[in-house]
Amino acid sequence: MYCVQCEQSNKGGCAVKVGSCGKTEAVANKQDVLLRIMLGVSVYADRAARVGAHDAEVDAFTPHAWFTTLTNVNFDRSRFTQLIGRALDIRATAKGLAERAGADLTDLPEPAIWDPGHTSNDYVEAAPYAAVQRFMDRDGPSIVGLRNLILYGLKGTAAYSEHARVLGTEETAVNAEFHRISAFLAADPTDIDALVAESLAVGGLNFKVMEMLDAANTGRFGHPEITHVRMTPKAGKCILVSGHDLGDMMAALHQTEGKGINVYTHGELLPANTYPGLKKFKHLVGNYGGAWQDQHNDFDAFPGAIIMTSNCLINPEIKGYADRLFTAGPVGWHGIPHIQHDDFSAVIECALAQPGFAEDAVEETIPAGFGRNTVMGVADTLLGMIGKGEVKNLFLIGGCDGARPGRNYFHDLAMATPKDSLVLTLGCGKFRFNREDMGDINGIPRVLDVGQCNDAYSAIQIATAVAGALGCGVNDLPLHYAISWFEQKATAVLLSMLHLGIRKIHLGPTLPQFLTPEVLGVLIEKFDIRPTGDANEDLARMLQAA
């Protein structure tokens, strides 16, 4: 096992029996095998796409398989044995598609023909041939680091693509581009310029995927509306839904309607309370708890059933709630019931058997729902405030939260921002400060919750619209970025921002281990990426540059 894909990795990488996330060596190794086969799938799918041939089954399986390998998603070794077997079948399907289409199948890279065997033991033995560091001695840390940047960016893009796909939104051209970049990676490229270019191509692809996901979410559930979301519990039986998946949220709400069960969001699902198609359910009563890394305490204290959709799952065996936990979609943990075919009946039965909350807590609310449609609906007001000097600076402070020390930086920075500035926030990084009273400007809250991490698309659209109205570029705005990164979705979003040419991003609390000092030097030179330091010193530099 060797893993450096997330911010919580041990120094030098997780090269142990159990990683920092709780992933075992067996699971980590099978994930590597799965991804190596999926690169081979994309080799054939890319060759087929070049002559106009596509396969819906191949395109549907691809993002789901990649998604299962993200940090804190699936820890179930038996599920990966099944996924690897399925991936081998899908690779054969993709090969057959390419052959029938008359595609050029010469000079195939190793993942297209690699045979990892057919049993669980075979896959474990084959793992060294799929490890991300296997060519470190041959190619060096900079080349391997750039390949990992593409790999992890593709993982994040796959996750967003799967979120959109399960809502019925996908595009053949997007699938083809994913296969093209994956096929490029399958050849273990060593040209630094080409690797940097393809990293930015991942960012461009991810931006398109986030646009698709935005359309899927708003098309199904309506545009987010300004909503005062309750953050304290109400008396009654209850279900807590965590993760990111709005489709699972809708299914849970439909099936619990009229059953006397209150439904709460957790973590990145807080914005679900602002979508008209979801907030219409009166038993969606608010949000409970904070960011994903708080789930041990949040889930343990929650007196009902819990559903974990998409990510981010932590070992449920450490605390005493495993018998009340259910997984959905790509998520898995050995021994935890997995929801099939959107059937939440077992969750409902579990919730009714739990005590629920005995009484209403004192009501506390926070404002949310400041997506692009909401903010641009008051664009004239916002631009007028900027023109009059009532709003002098904009800050984007958010991203993926985590447990590593140093993340109080984002709280301290937000609290130190001038009173004549607005703070856009998204992702679970918002929980660092979203319950603080930071006041308002002319009735507009100073903290504007844009939504989930994928709603970086919405934030970028807001910035682009403001810049256009002011007749300048996004980098010319008094807009400052402080982004907390944790896992592969954050990597994909960062690459999207770099693809769009956004500069001077403060990134922290630590920089990715998989990027060598040389690679970081390239990114700093091209995009002026800045590691987070002292919040007050960083703020002073931001304001001086405005």
Protein backbone atom coordinates (compact mmCIF):
# COMPACT_ATOMS: atom_id res chain seq x y z
CA MET A 1 0.00 0.00 0.00
CA TYR A 2 1.18 3.49 -0.87
CA CYS A 3 -1.22 6.44 -0.98
CA VAL A 4 -0.71 10.21 -1.19
CA GLN A 5 -4.02 11.19 -2.72
CA CYS A 6 -5.40 13.31 0.15
CA GLU A 7 -4.31 15.93 2.63
CA GLN A 8 -4.54 13.59 5.62
CA SER A 9 -1.93 11.18 4.24
CA ASN A 10 0.93 10.38 6.58
CA LYS A 11 4.07 12.41 5.98
CA GLY A 12 5.74 10.75 3.03
CA GLY A 13 2.51 8.92 2.16
CA CYS A 14 0.44 6.18 3.76
CA ALA A 15 2.65 3.11 3.36
CA VAL A 16 1.17 1.09 6.19
CA LYS A 17 -1.37 -1.66 6.82
CA VAL A 18 -4.12 0.90 7.46
CA GLY A 19 -4.07 4.43 6.05
CA SER A 20 -5.01 7.62 7.89
CA CYS A 21 -8.52 7.38 6.43
CA GLY A 22 -9.02 3.81 7.70
CA LYS A 23 -8.46 2.22 4.30
CA THR A 24 -6.77 -1.16 4.63
CA GLU A 25 -3.84 -2.34 2.57
CA ALA A 26 -6.09 -4.86 0.78
CA VAL A 27 -8.62 -2.18 -0.18
CA ALA A 28 -5.92 0.28 -1.29
CA ASN A 29 -4.25 -2.34 -3.46
CA LYS A 30 -7.52 -3.37 -5.11
CA GLN A 31 -8.32 0.26 -5.81
CA ASP A 32 -4.99 0.58 -7.63
CA VAL A 33 -5.77 -2.55 -9.66
CA LEU A 34 -9.25 -1.26 -10.51
CA LEU A 35 -7.88 2.07 -11.73
CA ARG A 36 -5.20 0.42 -13.86
CA ILE A 37 -7.87 -1.65 -15.60
CA MET A 38 -10.06 1.44 -16.02
CA LEU A 39 -7.20 3.18 -17.79
CA GLY A 40 -7.25 0.23 -20.19
CA VAL A 41 -11.01 0.63 -20.63
CA SER A 42 -10.43 4.23 -21.66
CA VAL A 43 -7.71 3.24 -24.13
CA TYR A 44 -10.24 1.21 -26.12
CA ALA A 45 -13.08 3.72 -25.59
CA ASP A 46 -10.83 6.53 -26.81
CA ARG A 47 -9.76 4.61 -29.92
CA ALA A 48 -13.42 3.86 -30.63
CA ALA A 49 -14.48 7.47 -30.06
CA ARG A 50 -11.94 8.64 -32.63
CA VAL A 51 -13.97 6.83 -35.30
CA GLY A 52 -17.32 7.89 -33.85
CA ALA A 53 -18.18 4.78 -31.79
CA HIS A 54 -19.44 4.93 -28.20
CA ASP A 55 -20.98 2.51 -25.73
CA ALA A 56 -23.46 3.64 -23.06
CA GLU A 57 -22.58 0.79 -20.69
CA VAL A 58 -18.87 1.65 -20.81
CA ASP A 59 -19.56 5.34 -20.28
CA ALA A 60 -21.91 4.67 -17.36
CA PHE A 61 -19.58 2.30 -15.51
CA THR A 62 -16.49 4.48 -15.88
CA PRO A 63 -17.30 7.41 -13.52
CA HIS A 64 -18.86 5.10 -10.93
CA ALA A 65 -15.78 2.88 -10.82
CA TRP A 66 -13.43 5.85 -10.51
CA PHE A 67 -15.65 7.44 -7.83
CA THR A 68 -15.35 4.40 -5.55
CA THR A 69 -11.59 5.00 -5.26
CA LEU A 70 -11.81 8.53 -3.82
CA THR A 71 -10.78 9.21 -0.24
CA ASN A 72 -13.40 8.18 2.35
CA VAL A 73 -15.82 6.63 -0.14
CA ASN A 74 -15.61 2.85 -0.27
CA PHE A 75 -13.72 0.66 2.20
CA ASP A 76 -15.42 -2.68 1.35
CA ARG A 77 -12.83 -5.09 -0.05
CA SER A 78 -15.50 -7.50 -1.34
CA ARG A 79 -17.10 -4.71 -3.38
CA PHE A 80 -13.75 -4.02 -5.03
CA THR A 81 -13.34 -7.67 -5.94
CA GLN A 82 -16.69 -7.40 -7.72
CA LEU A 83 -15.80 -4.06 -9.32
CA ILE A 84 -12.53 -5.42 -10.69
CA GLY A 85 -14.32 -8.37 -12.26
CA ARG A 86 -16.87 -6.01 -13.75
CA ALA A 87 -14.13 -3.69 -15.01
CA LEU A 88 -12.47 -6.58 -16.85
CA ASP A 89 -15.80 -7.34 -18.56
CA ILE A 90 -16.24 -3.65 -19.42
CA ARG A 91 -12.73 -3.53 -20.87
CA ALA A 92 -13.62 -6.47 -23.09
CA THR A 93 -16.80 -4.65 -24.15
CA ALA A 94 -14.80 -1.52 -25.00
CA LYS A 95 -12.27 -3.59 -26.95
CA GLY A 96 -15.06 -5.24 -28.93
CA LEU A 97 -16.59 -1.84 -29.66
CA ALA A 98 -13.28 -0.54 -31.00
CA GLU A 99 -12.71 -3.66 -33.11
CA ARG A 100 -16.16 -3.52 -34.69
CA ALA A 101 -15.73 0.17 -35.43
CA GLY A 102 -12.45 -0.46 -37.23
CA ALA A 103 -10.42 1.63 -34.78
CA ASP A 104 -6.63 1.59 -34.84
CA LEU A 105 -5.57 -0.88 -32.14
CA THR A 106 -1.84 -0.82 -32.72
CA ASP A 107 0.67 0.22 -30.05
CA LEU A 108 -1.67 -0.43 -27.14
CA PRO A 109 -0.33 0.66 -23.73
CA GLU A 110 0.04 -1.92 -20.99
CA PRO A 111 -3.26 -1.22 -19.10
CA ALA A 112 -5.20 -2.27 -22.21
CA ILE A 113 -3.73 -5.78 -22.19
CA TRP A 114 -2.70 -6.25 -18.56
CA ASP A 115 -3.99 -9.46 -16.94
CA PRO A 116 -4.38 -9.12 -13.14
CA GLY A 117 -5.92 -12.57 -12.80
CA HIS A 118 -9.46 -13.52 -11.84
CA THR A 119 -9.59 -14.03 -8.07
CA SER A 120 -9.29 -11.79 -5.05
CA ASN A 121 -5.87 -13.27 -4.25
CA ASP A 122 -4.77 -12.68 -7.85
CA TYR A 123 -5.70 -9.01 -7.57
CA VAL A 124 -3.71 -8.59 -4.37
CA GLU A 125 -0.65 -10.19 -5.97
CA ALA A 126 -1.04 -7.99 -9.06
CA ALA A 127 -1.23 -4.77 -7.04
CA PRO A 128 2.50 -3.84 -7.23
CA TYR A 129 2.13 -3.60 -11.02
CA ALA A 130 -0.63 -1.00 -10.57
CA ALA A 131 0.88 1.07 -7.75
CA VAL A 132 1.08 4.81 -8.40
CA GLN A 133 4.76 4.92 -7.37
CA ARG A 134 5.96 1.93 -9.37
CA PHE A 135 7.99 4.03 -11.82
CA MET A 136 9.41 6.44 -9.25
CA ASP A 137 13.01 5.21 -9.67
CA ARG A 138 12.73 5.22 -13.47
CA ASP A 139 10.88 8.50 -14.05
CA GLY A 140 11.55 10.56 -10.94
CA PRO A 141 9.24 12.33 -8.48
CA SER A 142 8.30 15.28 -10.71
CA ILE A 143 7.00 13.09 -13.54
CA VAL A 144 5.21 10.73 -11.17
CA GLY A 145 3.80 13.71 -9.25
CA LEU A 146 2.37 15.27 -12.41
CA ARG A 147 0.85 11.95 -13.45
CA ASN A 148 -0.75 11.72 -10.01
CA LEU A 149 -2.07 15.27 -10.39
CA ILE A 150 -3.88 14.15 -13.53
CA LEU A 151 -5.01 10.88 -11.92
CA TYR A 152 -6.45 12.58 -8.85
CA GLY A 153 -8.00 15.35 -10.91
CA LEU A 154 -9.73 12.72 -13.04
CA LYS A 155 -11.01 11.05 -9.87
CA GLY A 156 -12.67 14.29 -8.77
CA THR A 157 -14.08 14.88 -12.24
CA ALA A 158 -15.47 11.34 -12.29
CA ALA A 159 -17.23 11.97 -8.98
CA TYR A 160 -18.97 15.10 -10.27
CA SER A 161 -19.76 13.29 -13.52
CA GLU A 162 -21.39 10.45 -11.59
CA HIS A 163 -23.46 12.94 -9.57
CA ALA A 164 -24.76 14.37 -12.85
CA ARG A 165 -25.19 10.99 -14.53
CA VAL A 166 -27.44 9.55 -11.82
CA LEU A 167 -29.68 12.59 -12.34
CA GLY A 168 -29.91 11.77 -16.05
CA THR A 169 -27.38 14.27 -17.38
CA GLU A 170 -24.35 13.22 -19.42
CA GLU A 171 -22.78 14.13 -22.74
CA THR A 172 -20.98 11.89 -25.20
CA ALA A 173 -18.31 14.51 -25.85
CA VAL A 174 -17.56 14.80 -22.14
CA ASN A 175 -17.28 11.02 -21.79
CA ALA A 176 -14.96 10.94 -24.81
CA GLU A 177 -12.71 13.63 -23.34
CA PHE A 178 -12.50 11.72 -20.06
CA HIS A 179 -11.45 8.61 -21.97
CA ARG A 180 -8.94 10.62 -24.03
CA ILE A 181 -7.14 12.02 -20.98
CA SER A 182 -7.26 8.64 -19.23
CA ALA A 183 -5.79 6.98 -22.31
CA PHE A 184 -3.01 9.58 -22.32
CA LEU A 185 -2.27 8.66 -18.71
CA ALA A 186 -2.35 4.94 -19.50
CA ALA A 187 0.82 5.31 -21.55
CA ASP A 188 2.78 6.53 -18.48
CA PRO A 189 3.87 9.75 -20.24
CA THR A 190 7.10 11.50 -19.26
CA ASP A 191 6.98 14.83 -21.11
CA ILE A 192 6.57 17.57 -18.48
CA ASP A 193 5.00 20.12 -20.82
CA ALA A 194 2.47 17.55 -22.03
CA LEU A 195 1.69 16.53 -18.46
CA VAL A 196 1.09 20.13 -17.41
CA ALA A 197 -1.11 20.69 -20.48
CA GLU A 198 -3.19 17.62 -19.73
CA SER A 199 -3.54 18.67 -16.09
CA LEU A 200 -5.16 21.88 -17.30
CA ALA A 201 -7.26 19.84 -19.74
CA VAL A 202 -8.60 17.95 -16.72
CA GLY A 203 -9.53 21.34 -15.26
CA GLY A 204 -11.36 22.30 -18.44
CA LEU A 205 -13.20 18.98 -18.48
CA ASN A 206 -14.14 19.30 -14.83
CA PHE A 207 -15.50 22.81 -15.36
CA LYS A 208 -17.77 21.44 -18.10
CA VAL A 209 -18.83 18.58 -15.82
CA MET A 210 -19.62 21.02 -12.98
CA GLU A 211 -21.72 23.00 -15.46
CA MET A 212 -23.60 19.81 -16.34
CA LEU A 213 -24.11 19.00 -12.67
CA ASP A 214 -25.39 22.50 -12.02
CA ALA A 215 -27.90 22.04 -14.85
CA ALA A 216 -28.88 18.61 -13.52
CA ASN A 217 -29.44 19.90 -9.99
CA THR A 218 -31.31 23.06 -10.95
CA GLY A 219 -33.26 21.28 -13.68
CA ARG A 220 -34.49 18.65 -11.23
CA PHE A 221 -34.82 20.66 -8.03
CA GLY A 222 -34.97 24.32 -9.11
CA HIS A 223 -32.48 27.09 -8.39
CA PRO A 224 -31.43 27.53 -4.75
CA GLU A 225 -33.35 30.19 -2.88
CA ILE A 226 -32.30 32.30 0.09
CA THR A 227 -33.36 30.14 3.01
CA HIS A 228 -32.84 30.38 6.75
CA VAL A 229 -31.76 26.82 7.50
CA ARG A 230 -32.49 25.49 10.97
CA MET A 231 -29.31 24.20 12.63
CA THR A 232 -30.89 22.77 15.80
CA PRO A 233 -33.05 19.64 16.17
CA LYS A 234 -36.80 19.26 16.52
CA ALA A 235 -38.64 16.66 18.59
CA GLY A 236 -39.45 13.42 16.82
CA LYS A 237 -38.11 10.37 15.00
CA CYS A 238 -35.33 11.24 12.62
CA ILE A 239 -33.05 10.37 9.71
CA LEU A 240 -29.74 12.09 8.95
CA VAL A 241 -28.53 12.21 5.32
CA SER A 242 -24.85 13.01 4.76
CA GLY A 243 -22.60 13.25 1.73
CA HIS A 244 -23.45 15.15 -1.47
CA ASP A 245 -26.09 13.32 -3.48
CA LEU A 246 -29.29 15.34 -4.02
CA GLY A 247 -30.92 12.43 -5.86
CA ASP A 248 -30.61 10.18 -2.82
CA MET A 249 -31.87 13.09 -0.71
CA MET A 250 -34.99 13.34 -2.85
CA ALA A 251 -35.62 9.58 -2.72
CA ALA A 252 -35.29 9.57 1.06
CA LEU A 253 -37.71 12.49 1.39
CA HIS A 254 -40.28 10.89 -0.90
CA GLN A 255 -40.23 7.59 0.96
CA THR A 256 -40.39 9.13 4.43
CA GLU A 257 -43.22 11.54 3.65
CA GLY A 258 -46.16 11.05 5.99
CA LYS A 259 -44.34 8.58 8.24
CA GLY A 260 -43.70 10.93 11.15
CA ILE A 261 -39.97 11.11 10.55
CA ASN A 262 -37.97 14.33 10.42
CA VAL A 263 -35.13 14.39 7.87
CA TYR A 264 -31.91 16.37 8.46
CA THR A 265 -28.97 17.14 6.23
CA HIS A 266 -25.36 16.81 7.33
CA GLY A 267 -22.11 18.19 5.95
CA GLU A 268 -22.15 19.07 2.25
CA LEU A 269 -25.86 18.31 1.98
CA LEU A 270 -26.76 21.47 3.94
CA PRO A 271 -27.54 23.31 0.63
CA ALA A 272 -30.30 20.75 -0.06
CA ASN A 273 -32.42 22.84 2.31
CA THR A 274 -32.38 25.69 -0.24
CA TYR A 275 -33.62 23.89 -3.38
CA PRO A 276 -37.38 24.42 -4.00
CA GLY A 277 -37.88 20.81 -5.08
CA LEU A 278 -36.46 19.57 -1.77
CA LYS A 279 -37.47 22.25 0.73
CA LYS A 280 -41.13 21.70 -0.23
CA PHE A 281 -41.02 18.59 1.94
CA LYS A 282 -42.10 19.87 5.34
CA HIS A 283 -40.32 17.06 7.15
CA LEU A 284 -36.96 18.31 5.82
CA VAL A 285 -36.42 20.29 9.01
CA GLY A 286 -32.85 21.54 8.71
CA ASN A 287 -29.21 20.62 9.19
CA TYR A 288 -27.62 18.68 12.04
CA GLY A 289 -23.92 18.76 12.84
CA GLY A 290 -20.95 20.10 10.93
CA ALA A 291 -18.39 19.00 8.37
CA TRP A 292 -17.51 15.40 7.52
CA GLN A 293 -14.63 15.12 9.98
CA ASP A 294 -17.07 15.76 12.84
CA GLN A 295 -19.23 12.77 11.97
CA HIS A 296 -17.97 10.51 14.76
CA ASN A 297 -19.44 12.89 17.32
CA ASP A 298 -22.39 14.00 15.17
CA PHE A 299 -23.49 10.48 14.21
CA ASP A 300 -22.94 9.07 17.68
CA ALA A 301 -25.17 11.77 19.22
CA PHE A 302 -27.86 11.56 16.53
CA PRO A 303 -30.79 9.47 17.89
CA GLY A 304 -31.96 8.08 14.56
CA ALA A 305 -30.91 6.35 11.33
CA ILE A 306 -28.06 7.69 9.17
CA ILE A 307 -27.54 7.49 5.41
CA MET A 308 -24.09 8.13 3.90
CA THR A 309 -24.29 9.09 0.24
CA SER A 310 -21.26 9.65 -2.03
CA ASN A 311 -18.56 10.75 0.44
CA CYS A 312 -17.02 11.29 3.04
CA LEU A 313 -17.25 8.22 5.32
CA ILE A 314 -15.15 7.60 8.44
CA ASN A 315 -14.75 4.22 10.17
CA PRO A 316 -18.16 3.70 11.84
CA GLU A 317 -16.85 0.91 14.06
CA ILE A 318 -14.94 3.36 16.27
CA LYS A 319 -18.19 4.73 17.70
CA GLY A 320 -21.43 2.94 18.51
CA TYR A 321 -23.62 3.84 15.55
CA ALA A 322 -22.73 1.17 12.97
CA ASP A 323 -26.09 -0.52 13.55
CA ARG A 324 -27.85 2.71 12.52
CA LEU A 325 -25.75 3.48 9.43
CA PHE A 326 -26.58 2.75 5.79
CA THR A 327 -24.52 3.42 2.66
CA ALA A 328 -25.68 4.41 -0.81
CA GLY A 329 -24.23 4.85 -4.30
CA PRO A 330 -20.44 4.39 -4.45
CA VAL A 331 -20.04 4.29 -0.65
CA GLY A 332 -19.25 1.08 1.18
CA TRP A 333 -17.98 -0.34 4.48
CA HIS A 334 -17.71 -4.04 5.19
CA GLY A 335 -20.77 -5.20 7.15
CA ILE A 336 -22.78 -1.98 6.75
CA PRO A 337 -26.11 -2.40 4.88
CA HIS A 338 -26.01 -0.94 1.37
CA ILE A 339 -29.13 0.60 -0.15
CA GLN A 340 -30.11 -0.98 -3.45
CA HIS A 341 -32.50 0.39 -6.09
CA ASP A 342 -33.30 3.52 -4.01
CA ASP A 343 -35.18 1.37 -1.47
CA PHE A 344 -34.96 3.18 1.88
CA SER A 345 -37.44 0.93 3.69
CA ALA A 346 -34.75 -0.53 5.99
CA VAL A 347 -33.65 3.00 6.90
CA ILE A 348 -37.22 3.97 7.75
CA GLU A 349 -37.69 0.86 9.87
CA CYS A 350 -34.46 1.64 11.72
CA ALA A 351 -35.45 5.28 12.31
CA LEU A 352 -38.80 4.30 13.76
CA ALA A 353 -37.05 1.93 16.17
CA GLN A 354 -34.74 4.68 17.49
CA PRO A 355 -35.75 7.16 20.23
CA GLY A 356 -35.49 10.31 18.15
CA PHE A 357 -35.17 13.75 19.72
CA ALA A 358 -37.21 14.12 22.90
CA GLU A 359 -37.83 17.85 22.52
CA ASP A 360 -37.24 20.88 20.36
CA ALA A 361 -33.93 22.64 20.87
CA VAL A 362 -33.81 26.43 20.84
CA GLU A 363 -34.11 27.39 17.19
CA GLU A 364 -30.96 28.67 15.49
CA THR A 365 -30.78 29.38 11.77
CA ILE A 366 -28.22 30.48 9.21
CA PRO A 367 -28.87 31.99 5.76
CA ALA A 368 -27.97 29.88 2.72
CA GLY A 369 -28.97 29.57 -0.92
CA PHE A 370 -26.77 32.23 -2.52
CA GLY A 371 -26.17 30.40 -5.80
CA ARG A 372 -25.45 32.20 -9.04
CA ASN A 373 -29.13 32.64 -9.89
CA THR A 374 -29.83 34.30 -6.53
CA VAL A 375 -26.78 36.57 -6.53
CA MET A 376 -27.12 37.61 -10.16
CA GLY A 377 -30.78 38.36 -9.46
CA VAL A 378 -29.54 41.26 -7.36
CA ALA A 379 -26.55 42.00 -9.59
CA ASP A 380 -27.52 45.64 -10.04
CA THR A 381 -27.65 46.10 -6.28
CA LEU A 382 -24.29 44.37 -5.82
CA LEU A 383 -22.63 46.35 -8.60
CA GLY A 384 -24.09 49.56 -7.19
CA MET A 385 -22.62 48.73 -3.77
CA ILE A 386 -19.24 48.08 -5.39
CA GLY A 387 -19.46 51.31 -7.38
CA LYS A 388 -20.29 53.34 -4.26
CA GLY A 389 -17.47 51.76 -2.29
CA GLU A 390 -19.87 50.07 0.12
CA VAL A 391 -18.33 46.74 -0.93
CA LYS A 392 -14.60 47.09 -1.47
CA ASN A 393 -13.48 43.47 -1.54
CA LEU A 394 -14.84 40.01 -2.26
CA PHE A 395 -13.38 36.86 -0.72
CA LEU A 396 -13.92 33.24 -1.71
CA ILE A 397 -13.13 31.22 1.42
CA GLY A 398 -14.08 27.57 1.41
CA GLY A 399 -13.41 24.15 -0.05
CA CYS A 400 -12.93 20.77 1.60
CA ASP A 401 -12.50 20.74 5.36
CA GLY A 402 -10.49 18.22 7.36
CA ALA A 403 -9.07 17.38 10.76
CA ARG A 404 -5.41 18.35 10.27
CA PRO A 405 -4.18 21.24 12.43
CA GLY A 406 -3.98 24.58 10.67
CA ARG A 407 -7.51 24.70 9.34
CA ASN A 408 -8.52 27.37 11.85
CA TYR A 409 -6.72 29.62 9.37
CA PHE A 410 -9.90 29.80 7.30
CA HIS A 411 -11.99 30.79 10.30
CA ASP A 412 -9.46 33.39 11.37
CA LEU A 413 -9.21 34.82 7.85
CA ALA A 414 -12.98 35.06 7.45
CA MET A 415 -13.39 36.77 10.81
CA ALA A 416 -10.62 39.25 10.00
CA THR A 417 -12.03 40.33 6.63
CA PRO A 418 -13.02 44.02 6.58
CA LYS A 419 -16.62 44.94 7.36
CA ASP A 420 -16.95 46.40 3.86
CA SER A 421 -16.30 43.04 2.20
CA LEU A 422 -18.44 40.06 1.23
CA VAL A 423 -17.34 36.46 1.78
CA LEU A 424 -18.46 33.81 -0.71
CA THR A 425 -18.16 30.31 0.72
CA LEU A 426 -18.79 26.77 -0.49
CA GLY A 427 -17.99 23.19 0.39
CA CYS A 428 -17.77 21.96 3.97
CA GLY A 429 -15.04 24.49 4.70
CA LYS A 430 -17.91 26.89 5.45
CA PHE A 431 -18.55 25.14 8.77
CA ARG A 432 -15.44 26.82 10.10
CA PHE A 433 -17.33 30.12 10.29
CA ASN A 434 -20.87 29.86 8.93
CA ARG A 435 -22.47 30.16 12.39
CA GLU A 436 -20.52 33.29 13.27
CA ASP A 437 -22.38 36.61 13.20
CA MET A 438 -20.41 38.63 10.67
CA GLY A 439 -23.13 41.19 10.05
CA ASP A 440 -24.46 42.50 6.76
CA ILE A 441 -24.06 45.30 4.24
CA ASN A 442 -27.30 47.08 3.40
CA GLY A 443 -29.26 43.99 4.43
CA ILE A 444 -27.11 41.54 2.43
CA PRO A 445 -25.36 39.03 4.74
CA ARG A 446 -21.61 39.36 4.59
CA VAL A 447 -21.29 35.56 4.31
CA LEU A 448 -22.92 34.21 1.14
CA ASP A 449 -23.20 30.41 1.12
CA VAL A 450 -22.90 29.45 -2.57
CA GLY A 451 -23.43 25.72 -1.92
CA GLN A 452 -21.49 22.48 -2.25
CA CYS A 453 -17.90 22.10 -3.44
CA ASN A 454 -19.14 21.49 -6.99
CA ASP A 455 -20.86 24.87 -6.80
CA ALA A 456 -17.44 26.39 -7.42
CA TYR A 457 -18.97 26.62 -10.89
CA SER A 458 -21.62 28.94 -9.48
CA ALA A 459 -19.01 31.06 -7.70
CA ILE A 460 -16.95 31.36 -10.88
CA GLN A 461 -20.05 32.38 -12.83
CA ILE A 462 -20.73 35.10 -10.26
CA ALA A 463 -17.16 36.38 -10.51
CA THR A 464 -17.22 36.30 -14.31
CA ALA A 465 -20.50 38.21 -14.43
CA VAL A 466 -19.28 40.87 -12.02
CA ALA A 467 -16.03 41.26 -13.96
CA GLY A 468 -17.95 41.55 -17.23
CA ALA A 469 -20.24 44.20 -15.81
CA LEU A 470 -17.27 46.17 -14.52
CA GLY A 471 -15.40 45.80 -17.81
CA CYS A 472 -12.40 43.96 -16.39
CA GLY A 473 -10.97 40.46 -16.10
CA VAL A 474 -11.63 38.16 -13.15
CA ASN A 475 -8.03 38.57 -12.01
CA ASP A 476 -8.53 42.36 -11.97
CA LEU A 477 -11.37 42.16 -9.46
CA PRO A 478 -10.78 42.83 -5.77
CA LEU A 479 -11.56 39.13 -5.34
CA HIS A 480 -9.30 37.03 -3.15
CA TYR A 481 -9.17 33.24 -2.87
CA ALA A 482 -8.43 31.11 0.18
CA ILE A 483 -9.13 27.49 -0.69
CA SER A 484 -8.89 24.56 1.70
CA TRP A 485 -8.06 21.35 -0.13
CA PHE A 486 -8.52 17.84 1.17
CA GLU A 487 -9.20 15.24 -1.50
CA GLN A 488 -9.64 14.61 -5.20
CA LYS A 489 -12.75 16.71 -5.79
CA ALA A 490 -10.78 19.67 -4.49
CA THR A 491 -7.94 18.77 -6.85
CA ALA A 492 -10.35 18.82 -9.79
CA VAL A 493 -11.81 22.19 -8.74
CA LEU A 494 -8.33 23.67 -8.32
CA LEU A 495 -7.40 22.49 -11.82
CA SER A 496 -10.59 24.09 -13.15
CA MET A 497 -9.60 27.40 -11.58
CA LEU A 498 -6.11 27.13 -13.07
CA HIS A 499 -7.60 26.21 -16.46
CA LEU A 500 -9.59 29.45 -16.32
CA GLY A 501 -6.43 31.39 -15.57
CA ILE A 502 -7.34 32.38 -12.02
CA ARG A 503 -4.26 33.50 -10.13
CA LYS A 504 -3.12 34.20 -6.58
CA ILE A 505 -5.01 31.35 -4.93
CA HIS A 506 -4.04 30.83 -1.29
CA LEU A 507 -4.11 27.04 -0.87
CA GLY A 508 -3.82 25.12 2.39
CA PRO A 509 -3.48 24.13 5.10
CA THR A 510 -0.70 22.08 3.48
CA LEU A 511 0.18 21.59 -0.16
CA PRO A 512 -0.34 18.18 -1.82
CA GLN A 513 2.44 15.67 -1.10
CA PHE A 514 2.25 14.25 -4.60
CA LEU A 515 3.56 17.51 -6.07
CA THR A 516 7.32 17.88 -5.87
CA PRO A 517 8.96 21.24 -5.16
CA GLU A 518 9.84 21.44 -8.87
CA VAL A 519 6.22 20.94 -9.96
CA LEU A 520 4.99 23.38 -7.34
CA GLY A 521 7.53 25.85 -8.68
CA VAL A 522 5.94 25.58 -12.12
CA LEU A 523 2.46 26.17 -10.70
CA ILE A 524 3.64 29.07 -8.58
CA GLU A 525 5.37 30.63 -11.59
CA LYS A 526 2.41 30.19 -13.93
CA PHE A 527 -0.46 30.84 -11.51
CA ASP A 528 1.07 32.45 -8.43
CA ILE A 529 -0.37 29.77 -6.12
CA ARG A 530 0.41 30.73 -2.56
CA PRO A 531 0.57 28.37 0.42
CA THR A 532 -1.54 29.61 3.32
CA GLY A 533 0.49 31.14 6.13
CA ASP A 534 -0.50 33.55 8.86
CA ALA A 535 -4.10 34.66 8.29
CA ASN A 536 -3.48 38.31 9.14
CA GLU A 537 -0.34 38.53 7.02
CA ASP A 538 -2.08 36.87 4.07
CA LEU A 539 -5.05 39.21 4.45
CA ALA A 540 -2.78 42.25 4.46
CA ARG A 541 -1.14 41.05 1.24
CA MET A 542 -4.54 40.44 -0.39
CA LEU A 543 -5.82 43.90 0.51
CA GLN A 544 -2.60 45.57 -0.60
CA ALA A 545 -2.95 43.96 -4.03
CA ALA A 546 -6.61 45.00 -4.39
